[in-house]
Amino acid sequence: MRRRPRYRINDTVVRFGIRVGASLVGILVGILISTAALNKFSVSATAVIEATVLFWLVHLGVQFVALRVLVREPSIALAGLLALASTIVSLMIVNAVISGLSIRGIQTYLVATVIIWITTSISDVIARQMIRSRRRERR
């Protein structure tokens, strides 16, 4: 009996998928926690998905510009500061574009920024662990 060849997805594609998926989940969880924890942060059911995808795209663009154009010598402290800054800028843009998302007050923006930053950081750590465990399994 003849065996079919098994097709393997390129490891780079898998790593990219893990990182994108984890990032989207982190943003989604951050928005949901912000909605539950903050009185002046509200989002409709459909706007959650729209806000998550748009936030990811804007955040990616803002970070790229900040890291490639503004920073000549990156450090860990500067990377953390840029992550917080790009999170708040992304949140402001998403709030302006998505009609089902409402954020009122500077304090709400700041707390929501920290919540989303923490959840995306945690999701990034989990993604790295998943990628490392996949590498160990393949050896």
Protein backbone atom coordinates (compact mmCIF):
# COMPACT_ATOMS: atom_id res chain seq x y z
CA MET A 1 0.00 0.00 0.00
CA ARG A 2 1.31 3.38 -0.99
CA ARG A 3 1.66 6.09 1.64
CA ARG A 4 0.77 9.67 0.98
CA PRO A 5 3.48 12.18 1.77
CA ARG A 6 2.77 14.29 4.83
CA TYR A 7 2.83 17.98 4.14
CA ARG A 8 4.42 20.15 6.79
CA ILE A 9 3.59 23.76 7.21
CA ASN A 10 6.67 25.90 7.23
CA ASP A 11 7.83 26.58 10.82
CA THR A 12 8.03 30.30 10.14
CA VAL A 13 4.37 30.36 9.15
CA VAL A 14 3.42 28.43 12.29
CA ARG A 15 5.43 30.77 14.53
CA PHE A 16 3.85 33.79 12.84
CA GLY A 17 0.39 32.28 13.31
CA ILE A 18 1.04 31.61 16.99
CA ARG A 19 2.26 35.16 17.56
CA VAL A 20 -0.63 36.78 15.66
CA GLY A 21 -3.21 34.57 17.35
CA ALA A 22 -1.78 35.21 20.80
CA SER A 23 -1.63 38.94 20.15
CA LEU A 24 -5.25 39.06 19.00
CA VAL A 25 -6.37 37.02 22.03
CA GLY A 26 -4.41 39.32 24.36
CA ILE A 27 -6.04 42.42 22.87
CA LEU A 28 -9.49 40.81 22.98
CA VAL A 29 -9.07 39.81 26.64
CA GLY A 30 -7.77 43.29 27.49
CA ILE A 31 -10.78 44.96 25.89
CA LEU A 32 -13.18 42.58 27.66
CA ILE A 33 -11.50 43.11 31.05
CA SER A 34 -11.54 46.89 30.49
CA THR A 35 -15.24 46.72 29.67
CA ALA A 36 -15.97 44.72 32.83
CA ALA A 37 -13.71 46.69 35.16
CA LEU A 38 -14.17 50.29 33.99
CA ASN A 39 -17.50 52.13 34.13
CA LYS A 40 -16.54 54.62 31.43
CA PHE A 41 -15.33 51.96 28.97
CA SER A 42 -18.06 50.28 26.95
CA VAL A 43 -18.12 48.23 23.78
CA SER A 44 -20.86 46.49 21.82
CA ALA A 45 -20.64 42.83 20.84
CA THR A 46 -19.76 43.48 17.19
CA ALA A 47 -17.41 46.32 18.06
CA VAL A 48 -15.31 43.94 20.20
CA ILE A 49 -14.17 42.04 17.11
CA GLU A 50 -13.77 45.19 15.01
CA ALA A 51 -11.84 46.94 17.79
CA THR A 52 -9.58 43.92 18.33
CA VAL A 53 -8.57 43.65 14.68
CA LEU A 54 -8.21 47.40 14.15
CA PHE A 55 -6.28 47.79 17.41
CA TRP A 56 -3.87 45.04 16.32
CA LEU A 57 -3.29 46.67 12.93
CA VAL A 58 -2.84 50.18 14.33
CA HIS A 59 -0.65 48.96 17.19
CA LEU A 60 1.55 47.10 14.72
CA GLY A 61 1.91 50.21 12.56
CA VAL A 62 2.60 52.55 15.47
CA GLN A 63 5.22 50.21 16.93
CA PHE A 64 6.91 49.82 13.55
CA VAL A 65 7.13 53.58 13.07
CA ALA A 66 8.31 54.14 16.64
CA LEU A 67 10.98 51.45 16.53
CA ARG A 68 12.25 52.09 13.00
CA VAL A 69 11.99 55.86 12.70
CA LEU A 70 12.16 57.36 16.18
CA VAL A 71 14.54 55.03 17.99
CA ARG A 72 18.20 54.79 17.07
CA GLU A 73 19.45 52.73 20.04
CA PRO A 74 16.67 50.62 21.58
CA SER A 75 16.80 49.41 25.18
CA ILE A 76 14.47 47.27 27.28
CA ALA A 77 13.17 50.30 29.21
CA LEU A 78 12.56 52.22 26.00
CA ALA A 79 10.81 49.23 24.43
CA GLY A 80 8.44 49.04 27.41
CA LEU A 81 7.75 52.76 27.24
CA LEU A 82 7.11 52.55 23.49
CA ALA A 83 4.75 49.60 24.04
CA LEU A 84 2.71 51.65 26.51
CA ALA A 85 2.75 54.72 24.24
CA SER A 86 1.73 52.73 21.18
CA THR A 87 -1.04 51.07 23.20
CA ILE A 88 -2.57 54.41 24.22
CA VAL A 89 -2.23 55.86 20.71
CA SER A 90 -3.84 52.73 19.24
CA LEU A 91 -6.63 52.91 21.80
CA MET A 92 -7.35 56.55 20.90
CA ILE A 93 -7.45 55.78 17.18
CA VAL A 94 -9.68 52.75 17.66
CA ASN A 95 -12.02 54.78 19.88
CA ALA A 96 -12.27 57.44 17.16
CA VAL A 97 -12.96 54.93 14.37
CA ILE A 98 -15.14 52.21 15.95
CA SER A 99 -18.63 53.53 16.70
CA GLY A 100 -19.50 50.74 19.16
CA LEU A 101 -16.55 51.55 21.43
CA SER A 102 -16.80 54.36 23.97
CA ILE A 103 -14.05 55.53 26.30
CA ARG A 104 -14.72 58.57 28.45
CA GLY A 105 -12.08 60.31 30.53
CA ILE A 106 -8.30 60.42 30.71
CA GLN A 107 -8.20 58.12 33.74
CA THR A 108 -10.20 55.51 31.82
CA TYR A 109 -7.77 55.75 28.90
CA LEU A 110 -4.78 55.30 31.20
CA VAL A 111 -6.22 52.35 33.13
CA ALA A 112 -7.48 50.65 29.93
CA THR A 113 -4.03 51.16 28.40
CA VAL A 114 -2.36 49.41 31.32
CA ILE A 115 -4.91 46.57 31.26
CA ILE A 116 -4.50 45.98 27.52
CA TRP A 117 -0.72 46.31 27.77
CA ILE A 118 -0.60 43.69 30.55
CA THR A 119 -2.86 41.23 28.70
CA THR A 120 -0.91 41.59 25.46
CA SER A 121 2.37 41.15 27.34
CA ILE A 122 1.07 37.99 28.97
CA SER A 123 -0.16 36.66 25.62
CA ASP A 124 3.25 37.40 24.09
CA VAL A 125 4.99 35.43 26.85
CA ILE A 126 2.60 32.51 26.33
CA ALA A 127 3.24 32.62 22.57
CA ARG A 128 7.00 32.49 23.13
CA GLN A 129 6.59 29.51 25.46
CA MET A 130 4.45 27.72 22.87
CA ILE A 131 7.06 28.33 20.17
CA ARG A 132 9.87 27.11 22.45
CA SER A 133 7.98 23.96 23.40
CA ARG A 134 7.34 23.22 19.70
CA ARG A 135 11.07 23.53 19.06
CA ARG A 136 11.90 21.16 21.93
CA GLU A 137 9.38 18.59 20.67
CA ARG A 138 10.90 18.61 17.20
CA ARG A 139 14.41 17.82 18.48
